[in-house]
Amino acid sequence: MGINISAHRSQHLTPELIEEADLLVTMTRGHRDAIVAIAPESAGKVFLLKSFGVAQSAADIYDPVGEALDVYRRVRDEIDAALPDLILYMKEDLK
């Protein structure tokens, strides 16, 4: 997609990072539940990526860890399709 993420490094999610965040967006309910288990007070700011917009399907996005490249590409496209609704939500929240 023409984006250079070679300098990006993942990091463990800590209670401090959760506390600092205004919004946490996850791919799966399991991810959301894990965050809330670490920091129960964060429940009101943790959302599934697909829970925004008109559809508000709140469906999981498959976690492709360890899968073939074509699976990663399908998941990338699913994430890309969900991002406009998240962006609109964030813009509205800033008003």
N, C-alpha and C. Protein backbone atom coordinates (compact mmCIF):
# COMPACT_ATOMS: atom_id res chain seq x y z
N MET A 1 0.82 -1.20 0.00
CA MET A 1 0.00 0.00 0.00
C MET A 1 0.86 1.26 0.00
N GLY A 2 2.17 1.09 -0.10
CA GLY A 2 3.07 2.23 -0.17
C GLY A 2 3.37 2.89 1.16
N ILE A 3 3.14 2.20 2.25
CA ILE A 3 3.41 2.75 3.58
C ILE A 3 4.64 2.06 4.16
N ASN A 4 5.61 2.82 4.57
CA ASN A 4 6.82 2.26 5.15
C ASN A 4 6.65 2.16 6.66
N ILE A 5 6.52 0.94 7.16
CA ILE A 5 6.38 0.74 8.60
C ILE A 5 7.61 0.01 9.17
N SER A 6 8.72 0.08 8.48
CA SER A 6 9.91 -0.66 8.91
C SER A 6 10.43 -0.19 10.27
N ALA A 7 10.14 1.04 10.65
CA ALA A 7 10.62 1.53 11.95
C ALA A 7 9.64 1.20 13.09
N HIS A 8 8.45 0.69 12.73
CA HIS A 8 7.45 0.39 13.75
C HIS A 8 7.84 -0.86 14.53
N ARG A 9 7.66 -0.82 15.83
CA ARG A 9 7.90 -1.98 16.68
C ARG A 9 6.70 -2.16 17.62
N SER A 10 6.26 -3.37 17.75
CA SER A 10 5.15 -3.63 18.67
C SER A 10 5.66 -3.50 20.10
N GLN A 11 4.72 -3.32 21.00
CA GLN A 11 5.08 -3.24 22.41
C GLN A 11 3.97 -3.86 23.23
N HIS A 12 4.31 -4.33 24.41
CA HIS A 12 3.31 -4.90 25.30
C HIS A 12 2.40 -3.78 25.82
N LEU A 13 1.14 -4.10 25.89
CA LEU A 13 0.17 -3.14 26.42
C LEU A 13 0.24 -3.16 27.94
N THR A 14 0.49 -2.02 28.51
CA THR A 14 0.63 -1.92 29.96
C THR A 14 -0.53 -1.12 30.54
N PRO A 15 -0.77 -1.26 31.83
CA PRO A 15 -1.80 -0.43 32.45
C PRO A 15 -1.56 1.06 32.24
N GLU A 16 -0.30 1.47 32.19
CA GLU A 16 0.02 2.88 31.97
C GLU A 16 -0.40 3.33 30.57
N LEU A 17 -0.13 2.51 29.57
CA LEU A 17 -0.54 2.87 28.21
C LEU A 17 -2.06 2.93 28.10
N ILE A 18 -2.74 1.99 28.75
CA ILE A 18 -4.20 1.99 28.73
C ILE A 18 -4.73 3.26 29.36
N GLU A 19 -4.16 3.64 30.48
CA GLU A 19 -4.62 4.84 31.19
C GLU A 19 -4.40 6.09 30.35
N GLU A 20 -3.28 6.15 29.64
CA GLU A 20 -2.95 7.34 28.83
C GLU A 20 -3.85 7.47 27.60
N ALA A 21 -4.39 6.38 27.13
CA ALA A 21 -5.17 6.39 25.89
C ALA A 21 -6.56 6.98 26.09
N ASP A 22 -7.01 7.74 25.09
CA ASP A 22 -8.38 8.24 25.08
C ASP A 22 -9.33 7.23 24.46
N LEU A 23 -8.80 6.42 23.55
CA LEU A 23 -9.60 5.45 22.81
C LEU A 23 -8.71 4.26 22.50
N LEU A 24 -9.22 3.06 22.74
CA LEU A 24 -8.51 1.83 22.39
C LEU A 24 -9.40 1.05 21.43
N VAL A 25 -8.86 0.68 20.29
CA VAL A 25 -9.63 -0.01 19.25
C VAL A 25 -9.00 -1.38 19.02
N THR A 26 -9.83 -2.42 19.11
CA THR A 26 -9.34 -3.78 18.99
C THR A 26 -9.96 -4.47 17.77
N MET A 27 -9.32 -5.55 17.35
CA MET A 27 -9.84 -6.34 16.24
C MET A 27 -10.84 -7.38 16.71
N THR A 28 -10.68 -7.88 17.95
CA THR A 28 -11.53 -8.97 18.41
C THR A 28 -12.08 -8.69 19.82
N ARG A 29 -13.16 -9.39 20.12
CA ARG A 29 -13.72 -9.30 21.48
C ARG A 29 -12.71 -9.81 22.50
N GLY A 30 -11.95 -10.83 22.12
CA GLY A 30 -10.92 -11.36 23.01
C GLY A 30 -9.87 -10.33 23.36
N HIS A 31 -9.46 -9.53 22.37
CA HIS A 31 -8.51 -8.44 22.62
C HIS A 31 -9.14 -7.42 23.58
N ARG A 32 -10.41 -7.09 23.30
CA ARG A 32 -11.11 -6.12 24.16
C ARG A 32 -11.20 -6.65 25.59
N ASP A 33 -11.59 -7.90 25.73
CA ASP A 33 -11.73 -8.48 27.06
C ASP A 33 -10.39 -8.52 27.80
N ALA A 34 -9.31 -8.77 27.09
CA ALA A 34 -7.98 -8.80 27.71
C ALA A 34 -7.61 -7.42 28.26
N ILE A 35 -7.94 -6.37 27.51
CA ILE A 35 -7.65 -5.00 27.97
C ILE A 35 -8.47 -4.68 29.21
N VAL A 36 -9.75 -5.01 29.17
CA VAL A 36 -10.62 -4.72 30.30
C VAL A 36 -10.21 -5.54 31.53
N ALA A 37 -9.67 -6.74 31.31
CA ALA A 37 -9.19 -7.54 32.44
C ALA A 37 -7.98 -6.89 33.11
N ILE A 38 -7.13 -6.26 32.31
CA ILE A 38 -5.96 -5.56 32.85
C ILE A 38 -6.38 -4.29 33.57
N ALA A 39 -7.34 -3.57 32.96
CA ALA A 39 -7.76 -2.27 33.50
C ALA A 39 -9.28 -2.15 33.38
N PRO A 40 -10.02 -2.68 34.33
CA PRO A 40 -11.49 -2.66 34.25
C PRO A 40 -12.07 -1.26 34.05
N GLU A 41 -11.41 -0.25 34.57
CA GLU A 41 -11.90 1.12 34.43
C GLU A 41 -11.83 1.63 33.00
N SER A 42 -11.17 0.88 32.11
CA SER A 42 -11.03 1.30 30.71
C SER A 42 -12.20 0.85 29.84
N ALA A 43 -13.13 0.09 30.38
CA ALA A 43 -14.19 -0.52 29.58
C ALA A 43 -14.93 0.48 28.69
N GLY A 44 -15.10 1.69 29.15
CA GLY A 44 -15.84 2.70 28.38
C GLY A 44 -15.07 3.30 27.22
N LYS A 45 -13.80 2.96 27.09
CA LYS A 45 -13.03 3.52 25.98
C LYS A 45 -12.38 2.45 25.09
N VAL A 46 -12.86 1.21 25.24
CA VAL A 46 -12.33 0.10 24.43
C VAL A 46 -13.44 -0.38 23.50
N PHE A 47 -13.19 -0.33 22.21
CA PHE A 47 -14.20 -0.66 21.21
C PHE A 47 -13.62 -1.59 20.14
N LEU A 48 -14.49 -2.38 19.57
CA LEU A 48 -14.11 -3.16 18.39
C LEU A 48 -14.06 -2.24 17.18
N LEU A 49 -13.12 -2.47 16.29
CA LEU A 49 -12.98 -1.63 15.11
C LEU A 49 -14.26 -1.58 14.29
N LYS A 50 -14.96 -2.68 14.23
CA LYS A 50 -16.18 -2.73 13.41
C LYS A 50 -17.42 -2.24 14.15
N SER A 51 -17.25 -1.60 15.29
CA SER A 51 -18.43 -1.14 16.04
C SER A 51 -18.80 0.31 15.74
N PHE A 52 -18.15 0.91 14.79
CA PHE A 52 -18.41 2.31 14.44
C PHE A 52 -19.22 2.37 13.15
N GLY A 53 -19.82 3.52 12.89
CA GLY A 53 -20.51 3.73 11.63
C GLY A 53 -21.92 3.20 11.61
N VAL A 54 -22.49 3.20 10.43
CA VAL A 54 -23.89 2.83 10.25
C VAL A 54 -24.12 1.36 10.60
N ALA A 55 -23.25 0.49 10.15
CA ALA A 55 -23.45 -0.95 10.36
C ALA A 55 -23.35 -1.31 11.83
N GLN A 56 -22.39 -0.73 12.52
CA GLN A 56 -22.13 -1.02 13.93
C GLN A 56 -22.28 -2.52 14.20
N SER A 57 -21.61 -3.32 13.37
CA SER A 57 -21.77 -4.77 13.47
C SER A 57 -21.06 -5.36 14.68
N ALA A 58 -20.09 -4.65 15.22
CA ALA A 58 -19.32 -5.12 16.36
C ALA A 58 -18.80 -6.53 16.14
N ALA A 59 -18.48 -6.85 14.91
CA ALA A 59 -17.94 -8.17 14.58
C ALA A 59 -16.43 -8.18 14.74
N ASP A 60 -15.92 -9.35 15.05
CA ASP A 60 -14.48 -9.52 15.13
C ASP A 60 -13.85 -9.44 13.74
N ILE A 61 -12.61 -9.01 13.72
CA ILE A 61 -11.77 -9.12 12.54
C ILE A 61 -10.77 -10.22 12.86
N TYR A 62 -10.68 -11.21 12.02
CA TYR A 62 -9.83 -12.36 12.24
C TYR A 62 -8.40 -11.94 12.50
N ASP A 63 -7.77 -12.53 13.51
CA ASP A 63 -6.37 -12.26 13.82
C ASP A 63 -5.51 -13.22 13.00
N PRO A 64 -4.74 -12.71 12.03
CA PRO A 64 -4.05 -13.57 11.09
C PRO A 64 -2.66 -14.07 11.55
N VAL A 65 -2.31 -13.89 12.80
CA VAL A 65 -0.97 -14.24 13.26
C VAL A 65 -0.63 -15.67 12.84
N GLY A 66 0.49 -15.80 12.14
CA GLY A 66 0.98 -17.10 11.71
C GLY A 66 0.37 -17.62 10.42
N GLU A 67 -0.52 -16.86 9.83
CA GLU A 67 -1.18 -17.29 8.59
C GLU A 67 -0.35 -16.90 7.36
N ALA A 68 -0.82 -17.34 6.22
CA ALA A 68 -0.17 -17.03 4.94
C ALA A 68 -0.39 -15.56 4.57
N LEU A 69 0.45 -15.05 3.68
CA LEU A 69 0.41 -13.66 3.26
C LEU A 69 -0.96 -13.27 2.70
N ASP A 70 -1.61 -14.16 1.95
CA ASP A 70 -2.91 -13.80 1.38
C ASP A 70 -3.96 -13.57 2.48
N VAL A 71 -3.84 -14.26 3.61
CA VAL A 71 -4.76 -14.05 4.73
C VAL A 71 -4.51 -12.67 5.33
N TYR A 72 -3.25 -12.31 5.49
CA TYR A 72 -2.91 -10.97 5.98
C TYR A 72 -3.48 -9.90 5.06
N ARG A 73 -3.41 -10.13 3.77
CA ARG A 73 -3.93 -9.14 2.83
C ARG A 73 -5.45 -9.01 2.95
N ARG A 74 -6.15 -10.11 3.12
CA ARG A 74 -7.61 -10.04 3.30
C ARG A 74 -7.97 -9.29 4.58
N VAL A 75 -7.23 -9.57 5.64
CA VAL A 75 -7.47 -8.88 6.91
C VAL A 75 -7.15 -7.40 6.77
N ARG A 76 -6.06 -7.09 6.08
CA ARG A 76 -5.71 -5.69 5.83
C ARG A 76 -6.85 -4.97 5.12
N ASP A 77 -7.43 -5.61 4.13
CA ASP A 77 -8.53 -5.00 3.39
C ASP A 77 -9.77 -4.82 4.27
N GLU A 78 -10.01 -5.77 5.16
CA GLU A 78 -11.15 -5.66 6.07
C GLU A 78 -10.94 -4.49 7.04
N ILE A 79 -9.72 -4.35 7.55
CA ILE A 79 -9.38 -3.23 8.43
C ILE A 79 -9.53 -1.91 7.66
N ASP A 80 -8.99 -1.87 6.45
CA ASP A 80 -9.06 -0.67 5.62
C ASP A 80 -10.50 -0.25 5.37
N ALA A 81 -11.39 -1.21 5.18
CA ALA A 81 -12.80 -0.90 4.94
C ALA A 81 -13.48 -0.35 6.20
N ALA A 82 -13.00 -0.73 7.37
CA ALA A 82 -13.61 -0.28 8.62
C ALA A 82 -13.08 1.09 9.08
N LEU A 83 -11.93 1.50 8.61
CA LEU A 83 -11.30 2.72 9.10
C LEU A 83 -12.09 4.01 8.83
N PRO A 84 -12.75 4.18 7.69
CA PRO A 84 -13.49 5.43 7.49
C PRO A 84 -14.52 5.71 8.58
N ASP A 85 -15.22 4.68 9.05
CA ASP A 85 -16.20 4.89 10.11
C ASP A 85 -15.53 5.28 11.42
N LEU A 86 -14.39 4.70 11.72
CA LEU A 86 -13.64 5.08 12.92
C LEU A 86 -13.18 6.53 12.81
N ILE A 87 -12.70 6.92 11.66
CA ILE A 87 -12.23 8.29 11.45
C ILE A 87 -13.38 9.28 11.63
N LEU A 88 -14.53 8.97 11.07
CA LEU A 88 -15.70 9.85 11.25
C LEU A 88 -16.07 9.95 12.73
N TYR A 89 -16.04 8.83 13.43
CA TYR A 89 -16.33 8.85 14.88
C TYR A 89 -15.36 9.76 15.62
N MET A 90 -14.10 9.64 15.29
CA MET A 90 -13.09 10.45 15.96
C MET A 90 -13.25 11.93 15.64
N LYS A 91 -13.59 12.24 14.39
CA LYS A 91 -13.83 13.64 14.02
C LYS A 91 -15.01 14.21 14.77
N GLU A 92 -16.08 13.45 14.89
CA GLU A 92 -17.27 13.91 15.62
C GLU A 92 -16.97 14.08 17.10
N ASP A 93 -16.17 13.20 17.64
CA ASP A 93 -15.82 13.26 19.06
C ASP A 93 -14.99 14.49 19.39
N LEU A 94 -14.26 15.02 18.39
CA LEU A 94 -13.41 16.19 18.62
C LEU A 94 -14.19 17.49 18.59
N LYS A 95 -15.42 17.45 18.11
CA LYS A 95 -16.21 18.68 17.99
C LYS A 95 -16.70 19.14 19.34
